[in-house]
């Protein structure tokens, strides 16, 4: 009888030990899940802070109000090219014309190749009304010409980037009198 009781006690002790091990493992798993959730939340919070800091920094640096929805690659591209001098036929950071800037922007930011001249780019777009312009849309101007002869790329809030003969690459506003006078059309690449 004593042997049977010892075996039952051993089995009971083993069962209790196994239950304790399982409970501790499940609590570790719960702790690990909570820890993973906290890490994910902290990472999202840090990403949001970095995103906000990015837009604050570039709003100040580019002297335009960004609404925090703009493509960050576009903003970094503009920052890199801002101030590049105008050079007719140019396509580099040492000098570019308006269509050269548009071509580089589309290649680097949107991974798309476009034509080289303003008029040929205009042939590749679907016209877009000024009030429906979106980031990345083209803006065409007819400056003392019957054909479009100047191009910019829309950013947001009526702002666009372009290369001008006098100022090189810079950001302008569609509401400026000069651009109101010569504005011809907005355009979006045909799909």
N, C-alpha and C. Protein backbone atom coordinates (compact mmCIF):
# COMPACT_ATOMS: atom_id res chain seq x y z
N UNK A 1 0.82 -1.19 0.00
CA UNK A 1 0.00 0.00 0.00
C UNK A 1 0.86 1.25 0.00
N UNK A 2 1.96 1.18 0.80
CA UNK A 2 2.86 2.32 0.89
C UNK A 2 3.49 2.62 -0.48
N UNK A 3 3.83 1.60 -1.27
CA UNK A 3 4.44 1.77 -2.59
C UNK A 3 3.43 2.44 -3.54
N UNK A 4 2.17 2.01 -3.47
CA UNK A 4 1.15 2.60 -4.33
C UNK A 4 0.97 4.07 -3.97
N UNK A 5 0.94 4.39 -2.68
CA UNK A 5 0.78 5.77 -2.23
C UNK A 5 1.95 6.63 -2.70
N UNK A 6 3.17 6.11 -2.62
CA UNK A 6 4.37 6.84 -3.08
C UNK A 6 4.30 7.09 -4.59
N UNK A 7 3.82 6.09 -5.36
CA UNK A 7 3.70 6.27 -6.81
C UNK A 7 2.66 7.35 -7.13
N UNK A 8 1.52 7.31 -6.39
CA UNK A 8 0.48 8.32 -6.61
C UNK A 8 1.02 9.68 -6.23
N UNK A 9 1.76 9.78 -5.15
CA UNK A 9 2.36 11.05 -4.72
C UNK A 9 3.35 11.55 -5.77
N UNK A 10 4.13 10.64 -6.33
CA UNK A 10 5.11 11.02 -7.36
C UNK A 10 4.39 11.54 -8.60
N UNK A 11 3.32 10.83 -8.99
CA UNK A 11 2.56 11.24 -10.16
C UNK A 11 1.90 12.59 -9.90
N UNK A 12 1.34 12.78 -8.69
CA UNK A 12 0.70 14.06 -8.33
C UNK A 12 1.73 15.17 -8.31
N UNK A 13 2.89 14.91 -7.74
CA UNK A 13 3.94 15.93 -7.69
C UNK A 13 4.37 16.30 -9.11
N UNK A 14 4.50 15.29 -9.97
CA UNK A 14 4.88 15.54 -11.37
C UNK A 14 3.80 16.36 -12.07
N UNK A 15 2.53 16.01 -11.85
CA UNK A 15 1.42 16.73 -12.47
C UNK A 15 1.41 18.18 -12.02
N UNK A 16 1.60 18.42 -10.75
CA UNK A 16 1.63 19.79 -10.21
C UNK A 16 2.80 20.55 -10.82
N UNK A 17 3.97 19.90 -10.88
CA UNK A 17 5.16 20.53 -11.46
C UNK A 17 4.91 20.90 -12.93
N UNK A 18 4.27 19.98 -13.68
CA UNK A 18 3.98 20.23 -15.11
C UNK A 18 3.01 21.40 -15.26
N UNK A 19 2.00 21.46 -14.39
CA UNK A 19 1.03 22.55 -14.45
C UNK A 19 1.71 23.89 -14.17
N UNK A 20 2.61 23.90 -13.18
CA UNK A 20 3.35 25.14 -12.85
C UNK A 20 4.19 25.58 -14.04
N UNK A 21 4.88 24.63 -14.67
CA UNK A 21 5.71 24.96 -15.85
C UNK A 21 4.83 25.54 -16.97
N UNK A 22 3.71 24.90 -17.27
CA UNK A 22 2.82 25.37 -18.33
C UNK A 22 2.29 26.76 -18.03
N UNK A 23 1.88 27.00 -16.78
CA UNK A 23 1.38 28.32 -16.41
C UNK A 23 2.45 29.38 -16.56
N UNK A 24 3.66 29.06 -16.15
CA UNK A 24 4.73 30.07 -16.27
C UNK A 24 5.07 30.34 -17.73
N UNK A 25 5.02 29.29 -18.55
CA UNK A 25 5.28 29.50 -19.98
C UNK A 25 4.19 30.34 -20.63
N UNK A 26 2.95 30.10 -20.27
CA UNK A 26 1.86 30.88 -20.87
C UNK A 26 1.92 32.33 -20.40
N UNK A 27 2.32 32.57 -19.17
CA UNK A 27 2.44 33.96 -18.72
C UNK A 27 3.60 34.64 -19.42
N UNK A 28 4.67 33.89 -19.71
CA UNK A 28 5.78 34.47 -20.48
C UNK A 28 5.29 34.85 -21.87
N UNK A 29 4.49 33.96 -22.47
CA UNK A 29 3.95 34.22 -23.79
C UNK A 29 3.08 35.47 -23.79
N UNK A 30 2.23 35.61 -22.75
CA UNK A 30 1.38 36.80 -22.64
C UNK A 30 2.23 38.03 -22.45
N UNK A 31 3.27 37.93 -21.63
CA UNK A 31 4.16 39.06 -21.40
C UNK A 31 4.87 39.43 -22.69
N UNK A 32 5.29 38.38 -23.43
CA UNK A 32 5.97 38.63 -24.70
C UNK A 32 5.04 39.32 -25.69
N UNK A 33 3.76 38.87 -25.76
CA UNK A 33 2.79 39.51 -26.65
C UNK A 33 2.58 40.97 -26.26
N UNK A 34 2.43 41.23 -24.97
CA UNK A 34 2.26 42.61 -24.50
C UNK A 34 3.49 43.44 -24.84
N UNK A 35 4.65 42.83 -24.65
CA UNK A 35 5.90 43.53 -24.95
C UNK A 35 5.98 43.85 -26.44
N UNK A 36 5.61 42.87 -27.30
CA UNK A 36 5.62 43.11 -28.75
C UNK A 36 4.64 44.21 -29.14
N UNK A 37 3.45 44.20 -28.54
CA UNK A 37 2.46 45.24 -28.83
C UNK A 37 2.97 46.61 -28.41
N UNK A 38 3.59 46.69 -27.24
CA UNK A 38 4.16 47.96 -26.77
C UNK A 38 5.27 48.43 -27.70
N UNK A 39 6.12 47.50 -28.16
CA UNK A 39 7.20 47.85 -29.08
C UNK A 39 6.63 48.39 -30.38
N UNK A 40 5.59 47.72 -30.91
CA UNK A 40 4.96 48.18 -32.16
C UNK A 40 4.38 49.58 -31.98
N UNK A 41 3.67 49.79 -30.86
CA UNK A 41 3.09 51.11 -30.59
C UNK A 41 4.17 52.18 -30.49
N UNK A 42 5.26 51.84 -29.78
CA UNK A 42 6.36 52.80 -29.64
C UNK A 42 6.99 53.11 -30.99
N UNK A 43 7.15 52.08 -31.84
CA UNK A 43 7.72 52.29 -33.17
C UNK A 43 6.83 53.19 -34.02
N UNK A 44 5.52 52.96 -33.97
CA UNK A 44 4.58 53.80 -34.72
C UNK A 44 4.64 55.23 -34.21
N UNK A 45 4.70 55.39 -32.88
CA UNK A 45 4.78 56.72 -32.29
C UNK A 45 6.06 57.44 -32.74
N UNK A 46 7.19 56.71 -32.73
CA UNK A 46 8.46 57.30 -33.18
C UNK A 46 8.41 57.67 -34.65
N UNK A 47 7.80 56.81 -35.49
CA UNK A 47 7.67 57.10 -36.92
C UNK A 47 6.83 58.36 -37.13
N UNK A 48 5.74 58.49 -36.38
CA UNK A 48 4.88 59.68 -36.49
C UNK A 48 5.63 60.94 -36.08
N UNK A 49 6.44 60.84 -35.03
CA UNK A 49 7.23 62.00 -34.59
C UNK A 49 8.24 62.38 -35.66
N UNK A 50 8.94 61.37 -36.21
CA UNK A 50 9.93 61.63 -37.26
C UNK A 50 9.26 62.24 -38.49
N UNK A 51 8.07 61.72 -38.85
CA UNK A 51 7.32 62.25 -40.00
C UNK A 51 6.97 63.71 -39.78
N UNK A 52 6.45 64.01 -38.59
CA UNK A 52 6.08 65.39 -38.26
C UNK A 52 7.31 66.30 -38.32
N UNK A 53 8.42 65.84 -37.72
CA UNK A 53 9.67 66.62 -37.74
C UNK A 53 10.14 66.87 -39.16
N UNK A 54 10.02 65.85 -40.04
CA UNK A 54 10.41 65.98 -41.44
C UNK A 54 9.64 67.14 -42.09
N UNK A 55 8.32 67.15 -41.93
CA UNK A 55 7.50 68.16 -42.59
C UNK A 55 7.70 69.55 -41.98
N UNK A 56 7.93 69.62 -40.70
CA UNK A 56 8.22 70.92 -40.07
C UNK A 56 9.54 71.46 -40.62
N UNK A 57 10.55 70.60 -40.64
CA UNK A 57 11.88 71.00 -41.13
C UNK A 57 11.80 71.52 -42.56
N UNK A 58 11.14 70.75 -43.44
CA UNK A 58 11.13 71.15 -44.85
C UNK A 58 10.13 72.26 -45.15
N UNK A 59 9.11 72.42 -44.33
CA UNK A 59 8.24 73.59 -44.49
C UNK A 59 9.05 74.85 -44.27
N UNK A 60 9.90 74.83 -43.24
CA UNK A 60 10.74 76.00 -42.94
C UNK A 60 11.83 76.17 -44.00
N UNK A 61 12.49 75.06 -44.32
CA UNK A 61 13.62 75.12 -45.26
C UNK A 61 13.19 75.56 -46.66
N UNK A 62 12.06 75.03 -47.13
CA UNK A 62 11.59 75.36 -48.48
C UNK A 62 10.69 76.60 -48.49
N UNK A 63 10.38 77.08 -47.30
CA UNK A 63 9.54 78.28 -47.14
C UNK A 63 8.15 78.12 -47.76
N UNK A 64 7.61 76.91 -47.60
CA UNK A 64 6.23 76.66 -48.03
C UNK A 64 5.53 75.84 -46.95
N UNK A 65 4.22 75.96 -46.90
CA UNK A 65 3.43 75.20 -45.93
C UNK A 65 3.14 73.83 -46.52
N UNK A 66 3.76 72.81 -45.92
CA UNK A 66 3.48 71.44 -46.34
C UNK A 66 2.35 70.90 -45.47
N UNK A 67 1.48 70.09 -46.06
CA UNK A 67 0.34 69.59 -45.29
C UNK A 67 0.53 68.17 -44.79
N UNK A 68 1.76 67.68 -44.82
CA UNK A 68 2.16 66.37 -44.30
C UNK A 68 1.61 65.19 -45.09
N UNK A 69 1.13 65.44 -46.30
CA UNK A 69 0.71 64.34 -47.16
C UNK A 69 1.62 64.23 -48.38
N UNK A 70 2.50 65.20 -48.56
CA UNK A 70 3.37 65.21 -49.73
C UNK A 70 4.35 64.03 -49.68
N UNK A 71 4.69 63.57 -50.86
CA UNK A 71 5.66 62.50 -51.03
C UNK A 71 7.02 62.99 -50.51
N UNK A 72 7.58 62.27 -49.55
CA UNK A 72 8.86 62.70 -48.97
C UNK A 72 9.98 62.66 -50.00
N UNK A 73 9.93 61.72 -50.94
CA UNK A 73 10.94 61.67 -52.00
C UNK A 73 10.89 62.94 -52.86
N UNK A 74 9.68 63.43 -53.11
CA UNK A 74 9.52 64.67 -53.87
C UNK A 74 10.16 65.84 -53.11
N UNK A 75 9.88 65.93 -51.82
CA UNK A 75 10.42 67.02 -51.00
C UNK A 75 11.95 66.96 -50.97
N UNK A 76 12.51 65.77 -50.81
CA UNK A 76 13.97 65.62 -50.79
C UNK A 76 14.57 65.98 -52.15
N UNK A 77 13.89 65.60 -53.23
CA UNK A 77 14.36 65.95 -54.57
C UNK A 77 14.39 67.48 -54.73
N UNK A 78 13.31 68.14 -54.34
CA UNK A 78 13.25 69.60 -54.47
C UNK A 78 14.35 70.25 -53.65
N UNK A 79 14.54 69.77 -52.43
CA UNK A 79 15.59 70.32 -51.57
C UNK A 79 16.96 70.19 -52.23
N UNK A 80 17.21 69.06 -52.86
CA UNK A 80 18.50 68.80 -53.52
C UNK A 80 18.72 69.74 -54.72
N UNK A 81 17.65 70.01 -55.49
CA UNK A 81 17.77 70.78 -56.72
C UNK A 81 17.54 72.28 -56.55
N UNK A 82 16.94 72.68 -55.43
CA UNK A 82 16.63 74.08 -55.21
C UNK A 82 17.89 74.94 -55.36
N UNK A 83 17.78 76.00 -56.16
CA UNK A 83 18.92 76.89 -56.37
C UNK A 83 19.82 76.50 -57.54
N UNK A 84 19.57 75.36 -58.15
CA UNK A 84 20.36 74.97 -59.33
C UNK A 84 20.18 76.04 -60.40
N UNK A 85 21.27 76.53 -60.99
CA UNK A 85 21.13 77.60 -61.99
C UNK A 85 20.46 77.09 -63.27
N UNK A 86 19.85 78.03 -63.99
CA UNK A 86 19.22 77.72 -65.26
C UNK A 86 20.30 77.55 -66.32
N UNK A 87 20.14 76.52 -67.15
CA UNK A 87 21.03 76.32 -68.30
C UNK A 87 20.18 75.70 -69.40
N UNK A 88 20.05 76.44 -70.50
CA UNK A 88 19.25 75.94 -71.62
C UNK A 88 19.81 74.59 -72.08
N UNK A 89 18.93 73.57 -72.15
CA UNK A 89 19.35 72.23 -72.56
C UNK A 89 19.98 71.43 -71.43
N UNK A 90 20.13 72.03 -70.27
CA UNK A 90 20.78 71.36 -69.15
C UNK A 90 19.87 70.37 -68.44
N UNK A 91 20.51 69.35 -67.87
CA UNK A 91 19.75 68.33 -67.14
C UNK A 91 20.47 67.89 -65.87
N UNK A 92 21.44 68.70 -65.40
CA UNK A 92 22.22 68.28 -64.23
C UNK A 92 22.13 69.33 -63.13
N UNK A 93 22.68 68.98 -61.97
CA UNK A 93 22.70 69.90 -60.84
C UNK A 93 23.58 71.12 -61.09
N UNK A 94 24.43 71.06 -62.10
CA UNK A 94 25.25 72.24 -62.41
C UNK A 94 24.48 73.22 -63.30
N UNK A 95 23.37 72.77 -63.87
CA UNK A 95 22.52 73.64 -64.67
C UNK A 95 21.43 72.85 -65.36
N UNK A 96 20.21 73.37 -65.31
CA UNK A 96 19.07 72.66 -65.92
C UNK A 96 18.07 73.66 -66.47
N UNK A 97 17.32 73.21 -67.47
CA UNK A 97 16.18 74.01 -67.91
C UNK A 97 14.92 73.37 -67.32
N UNK A 98 13.76 73.94 -67.61
CA UNK A 98 12.53 73.50 -66.94
C UNK A 98 12.15 72.06 -67.29
N UNK A 99 12.30 71.68 -68.56
CA UNK A 99 11.94 70.31 -68.93
C UNK A 99 12.99 69.31 -68.46
N UNK A 100 14.24 69.75 -68.35
CA UNK A 100 15.30 68.90 -67.78
C UNK A 100 15.02 68.60 -66.32
N UNK A 101 14.57 69.62 -65.58
CA UNK A 101 14.19 69.43 -64.18
C UNK A 101 13.01 68.46 -64.08
N UNK A 102 11.98 68.67 -64.92
CA UNK A 102 10.80 67.79 -64.89
C UNK A 102 11.19 66.35 -65.20
N UNK A 103 12.06 66.15 -66.17
CA UNK A 103 12.50 64.80 -66.52
C UNK A 103 13.23 64.11 -65.38
N UNK A 104 14.14 64.85 -64.74
CA UNK A 104 14.88 64.28 -63.60
C UNK A 104 13.95 63.98 -62.43
N UNK A 105 13.03 64.89 -62.18
CA UNK A 105 12.09 64.70 -61.07
C UNK A 105 11.25 63.44 -61.31
N UNK A 106 10.72 63.29 -62.51
CA UNK A 106 9.90 62.12 -62.79
C UNK A 106 10.71 60.83 -62.74
N UNK A 107 11.94 60.88 -63.21
CA UNK A 107 12.80 59.69 -63.18
C UNK A 107 13.14 59.31 -61.74
N UNK A 108 13.54 60.28 -60.92
CA UNK A 108 13.99 60.00 -59.55
C UNK A 108 12.85 59.75 -58.57
N UNK A 109 11.80 60.53 -58.66
CA UNK A 109 10.71 60.44 -57.67
C UNK A 109 9.66 59.42 -58.08
N UNK A 110 9.24 59.44 -59.34
CA UNK A 110 8.14 58.60 -59.78
C UNK A 110 8.58 57.41 -60.64
N UNK A 111 9.90 57.28 -60.86
CA UNK A 111 10.46 56.16 -61.62
C UNK A 111 9.82 56.03 -63.00
N UNK A 112 9.62 57.19 -63.64
CA UNK A 112 8.97 57.25 -64.94
C UNK A 112 9.77 58.14 -65.88
N UNK A 113 9.96 57.68 -67.10
CA UNK A 113 10.67 58.48 -68.11
C UNK A 113 9.64 59.29 -68.90
N UNK A 114 9.94 60.57 -69.07
CA UNK A 114 9.06 61.43 -69.87
C UNK A 114 9.87 62.03 -71.02
N UNK A 115 9.18 62.65 -71.95
CA UNK A 115 9.85 63.28 -73.10
C UNK A 115 10.73 64.43 -72.63
N UNK A 116 11.53 64.95 -73.53
CA UNK A 116 12.54 65.95 -73.16
C UNK A 116 12.08 67.39 -73.29
N UNK A 117 11.12 67.68 -74.16
CA UNK A 117 10.73 69.08 -74.35
C UNK A 117 9.34 69.35 -73.77
N UNK A 118 9.09 70.61 -73.47
CA UNK A 118 7.81 71.02 -72.88
C UNK A 118 6.65 70.60 -73.78
N UNK A 119 6.74 70.92 -75.05
CA UNK A 119 5.65 70.62 -75.96
C UNK A 119 5.42 69.12 -76.10
N UNK A 120 6.49 68.33 -76.14
CA UNK A 120 6.31 66.87 -76.27
C UNK A 120 5.75 66.28 -74.97
N UNK A 121 6.12 66.84 -73.83
CA UNK A 121 5.52 66.38 -72.55
C UNK A 121 4.03 66.70 -72.57
N UNK A 122 3.69 67.87 -73.07
CA UNK A 122 2.29 68.27 -73.13
C UNK A 122 1.47 67.26 -73.95
N UNK A 123 2.06 66.69 -74.97
CA UNK A 123 1.37 65.70 -75.81
C UNK A 123 1.12 64.39 -75.05
N UNK A 124 1.83 64.16 -73.94
CA UNK A 124 1.72 62.91 -73.18
C UNK A 124 0.75 63.00 -72.00
N UNK A 125 0.07 64.13 -71.85
CA UNK A 125 -0.77 64.30 -70.66
C UNK A 125 -2.24 64.42 -71.01
N UNK A 126 -3.05 64.18 -69.99
CA UNK A 126 -4.47 64.49 -70.03
C UNK A 126 -4.63 65.81 -69.30
N UNK A 127 -5.30 66.80 -69.91
CA UNK A 127 -5.46 68.09 -69.23
C UNK A 127 -6.19 67.95 -67.89
N UNK A 128 -5.78 68.78 -66.93
CA UNK A 128 -6.37 68.80 -65.59
C UNK A 128 -6.67 70.25 -65.24
N UNK A 129 -7.89 70.51 -64.76
CA UNK A 129 -8.25 71.86 -64.33
C UNK A 129 -7.39 72.27 -63.14
N UNK A 130 -7.12 73.55 -63.05
CA UNK A 130 -6.27 74.09 -61.99
C UNK A 130 -6.75 73.66 -60.59
N UNK A 131 -8.07 73.68 -60.39
CA UNK A 131 -8.60 73.35 -59.06
C UNK A 131 -8.54 71.85 -58.74
N UNK A 132 -8.15 71.02 -59.73
CA UNK A 132 -8.04 69.58 -59.50
C UNK A 132 -6.60 69.07 -59.55
N UNK A 133 -5.65 70.00 -59.53
CA UNK A 133 -4.25 69.58 -59.57
C UNK A 133 -3.89 68.77 -58.34
N UNK A 134 -3.05 67.75 -58.56
CA UNK A 134 -2.53 66.91 -57.48
C UNK A 134 -1.01 66.92 -57.55
N UNK A 135 -0.41 66.53 -56.44
CA UNK A 135 1.05 66.44 -56.40
C UNK A 135 1.56 65.65 -57.60
N UNK A 136 2.59 66.19 -58.23
CA UNK A 136 3.21 65.51 -59.37
C UNK A 136 2.61 65.87 -60.71
N UNK A 137 1.49 66.58 -60.72
CA UNK A 137 0.91 67.02 -62.00
C UNK A 137 1.81 68.08 -62.64
N UNK A 138 1.76 68.13 -63.96
CA UNK A 138 2.51 69.14 -64.70
C UNK A 138 1.69 70.42 -64.78
N UNK A 139 2.41 71.53 -64.83
CA UNK A 139 1.78 72.83 -65.02
C UNK A 139 2.46 73.45 -66.23
N UNK A 140 1.66 73.82 -67.22
CA UNK A 140 2.18 74.36 -68.47
C UNK A 140 1.85 75.84 -68.59
N UNK A 141 2.81 76.57 -69.14
CA UNK A 141 2.66 78.01 -69.35
C UNK A 141 2.98 78.32 -70.80
N UNK A 142 2.28 79.34 -71.31
CA UNK A 142 2.61 79.90 -72.63
C UNK A 142 3.11 81.31 -72.35
N UNK A 143 4.42 81.46 -72.36
CA UNK A 143 5.02 82.76 -72.09
C UNK A 143 5.42 83.38 -73.43
N UNK A 144 4.61 84.35 -73.87
CA UNK A 144 4.82 85.00 -75.17
C UNK A 144 5.00 83.97 -76.28
N UNK A 145 4.14 82.97 -76.31
CA UNK A 145 4.24 81.89 -77.28
C UNK A 145 2.84 81.32 -77.55
N UNK A 146 2.68 80.72 -78.73
CA UNK A 146 1.41 80.06 -79.04
C UNK A 146 1.39 78.62 -78.53
N UNK A 147 2.55 78.09 -78.23
CA UNK A 147 2.69 76.71 -77.74
C UNK A 147 3.17 76.76 -76.29
N UNK A 148 2.88 75.71 -75.50
CA UNK A 148 3.43 75.66 -74.15
C UNK A 148 4.96 75.69 -74.23
N UNK A 149 5.58 76.57 -73.45
CA UNK A 149 7.05 76.67 -73.51
C UNK A 149 7.70 76.75 -72.12
N UNK A 150 6.91 76.52 -71.09
CA UNK A 150 7.48 76.46 -69.74
C UNK A 150 6.66 75.44 -68.95
N UNK A 151 7.36 74.70 -68.07
CA UNK A 151 6.71 73.64 -67.31
C UNK A 151 7.17 73.66 -65.86
N UNK A 152 6.25 73.31 -64.98
CA UNK A 152 6.56 73.14 -63.57
C UNK A 152 5.87 71.88 -63.07
N UNK A 153 6.21 71.48 -61.86
CA UNK A 153 5.60 70.30 -61.24
C UNK A 153 4.87 70.75 -59.98
N UNK A 154 3.60 70.41 -59.89
CA UNK A 154 2.77 70.81 -58.76
C UNK A 154 3.19 70.06 -57.50
N UNK A 155 3.25 70.81 -56.38
CA UNK A 155 3.58 70.21 -55.08
C UNK A 155 2.29 70.08 -54.26
N UNK A 156 1.79 71.20 -53.77
CA UNK A 156 0.51 71.27 -53.04
C UNK A 156 0.24 72.73 -52.72
N UNK A 157 -0.98 73.02 -52.28
CA UNK A 157 -1.34 74.38 -51.84
C UNK A 157 -0.96 75.46 -52.87
N UNK A 158 -1.20 75.19 -54.14
CA UNK A 158 -0.89 76.11 -55.25
C UNK A 158 0.60 76.34 -55.49
N UNK A 159 1.46 75.57 -54.84
CA UNK A 159 2.91 75.72 -55.03
C UNK A 159 3.39 74.72 -56.06
N UNK A 160 4.39 75.15 -56.82
CA UNK A 160 5.00 74.27 -57.81
C UNK A 160 6.49 74.58 -57.90
N UNK A 161 7.25 73.59 -58.37
CA UNK A 161 8.69 73.76 -58.54
C UNK A 161 8.97 73.83 -60.04
N UNK A 162 9.92 74.68 -60.41
CA UNK A 162 10.28 74.83 -61.82
C UNK A 162 11.66 75.47 -61.92
N UNK A 163 12.18 75.51 -63.12
CA UNK A 163 13.47 76.16 -63.37
C UNK A 163 13.22 77.38 -64.24
N UNK A 164 13.57 78.55 -63.71
CA UNK A 164 13.35 79.79 -64.47
C UNK A 164 14.69 80.35 -64.93
N UNK A 165 14.64 81.08 -66.03
CA UNK A 165 15.86 81.66 -66.60
C UNK A 165 16.56 82.56 -65.59
N UNK A 166 15.80 83.36 -64.85
CA UNK A 166 16.41 84.33 -63.93
C UNK A 166 16.79 83.74 -62.57
N UNK A 167 15.96 82.83 -62.04
CA UNK A 167 16.19 82.36 -60.67
C UNK A 167 16.66 80.92 -60.56
N UNK A 168 16.72 80.21 -61.67
CA UNK A 168 17.07 78.79 -61.59
C UNK A 168 15.92 78.00 -60.98
N UNK A 169 16.25 76.91 -60.28
CA UNK A 169 15.21 76.06 -59.71
C UNK A 169 14.69 76.71 -58.43
N UNK A 170 13.38 76.93 -58.40
CA UNK A 170 12.78 77.49 -57.19
C UNK A 170 11.29 77.16 -57.16
N UNK A 171 10.67 77.52 -56.05
CA UNK A 171 9.25 77.23 -55.83
C UNK A 171 8.46 78.51 -56.02
N UNK A 172 7.37 78.42 -56.77
CA UNK A 172 6.50 79.57 -57.01
C UNK A 172 5.07 79.22 -56.64
N UNK A 173 4.22 80.24 -56.69
CA UNK A 173 2.81 80.08 -56.36
C UNK A 173 1.97 80.40 -57.59
N UNK A 174 1.00 79.55 -57.88
CA UNK A 174 0.13 79.77 -59.04
C UNK A 174 -0.69 81.04 -58.92
N UNK A 175 -0.83 81.57 -57.72
CA UNK A 175 -1.62 82.79 -57.52
C UNK A 175 -0.83 84.07 -57.78
N UNK A 176 0.48 83.94 -58.05
CA UNK A 176 1.26 85.13 -58.38
C UNK A 176 0.77 85.67 -59.72
N UNK A 177 0.70 86.99 -59.85
CA UNK A 177 0.17 87.62 -61.06
C UNK A 177 0.86 87.13 -62.33
N UNK A 178 2.18 87.00 -62.29
CA UNK A 178 2.93 86.56 -63.47
C UNK A 178 2.44 85.20 -63.94
N UNK A 179 2.29 84.27 -63.00
CA UNK A 179 1.90 82.91 -63.39
C UNK A 179 0.42 82.82 -63.74
N UNK A 180 -0.40 83.67 -63.14
CA UNK A 180 -1.80 83.74 -63.54
C UNK A 180 -1.90 84.19 -65.00
N UNK A 181 -1.07 85.16 -65.36
CA UNK A 181 -1.10 85.72 -66.71
C UNK A 181 -0.73 84.69 -67.77
N UNK A 182 0.29 83.86 -67.49
CA UNK A 182 0.81 82.95 -68.51
C UNK A 182 0.36 81.50 -68.35
N UNK A 183 -0.41 81.21 -67.31
CA UNK A 183 -0.86 79.84 -67.08
C UNK A 183 -1.65 79.34 -68.30
N UNK A 184 -1.33 78.11 -68.73
CA UNK A 184 -2.05 77.52 -69.86
C UNK A 184 -2.89 76.32 -69.43
N UNK A 185 -2.26 75.35 -68.74
CA UNK A 185 -3.00 74.13 -68.40
C UNK A 185 -2.25 73.31 -67.37
N UNK A 186 -3.01 72.52 -66.64
CA UNK A 186 -2.42 71.46 -65.83
C UNK A 186 -2.48 70.18 -66.64
N UNK A 187 -1.68 69.21 -66.27
CA UNK A 187 -1.72 67.94 -67.01
C UNK A 187 -1.23 66.79 -66.16
N UNK A 188 -1.80 65.63 -66.43
CA UNK A 188 -1.43 64.38 -65.74
C UNK A 188 -1.07 63.36 -66.79
N UNK A 189 0.03 62.64 -66.58
CA UNK A 189 0.45 61.63 -67.56
C UNK A 189 -0.69 60.67 -67.88
N UNK A 190 -0.84 60.38 -69.17
CA UNK A 190 -1.86 59.38 -69.58
C UNK A 190 -1.39 58.02 -69.10
N UNK A 191 -2.35 57.22 -68.70
CA UNK A 191 -2.00 55.86 -68.22
C UNK A 191 -2.00 54.87 -69.35
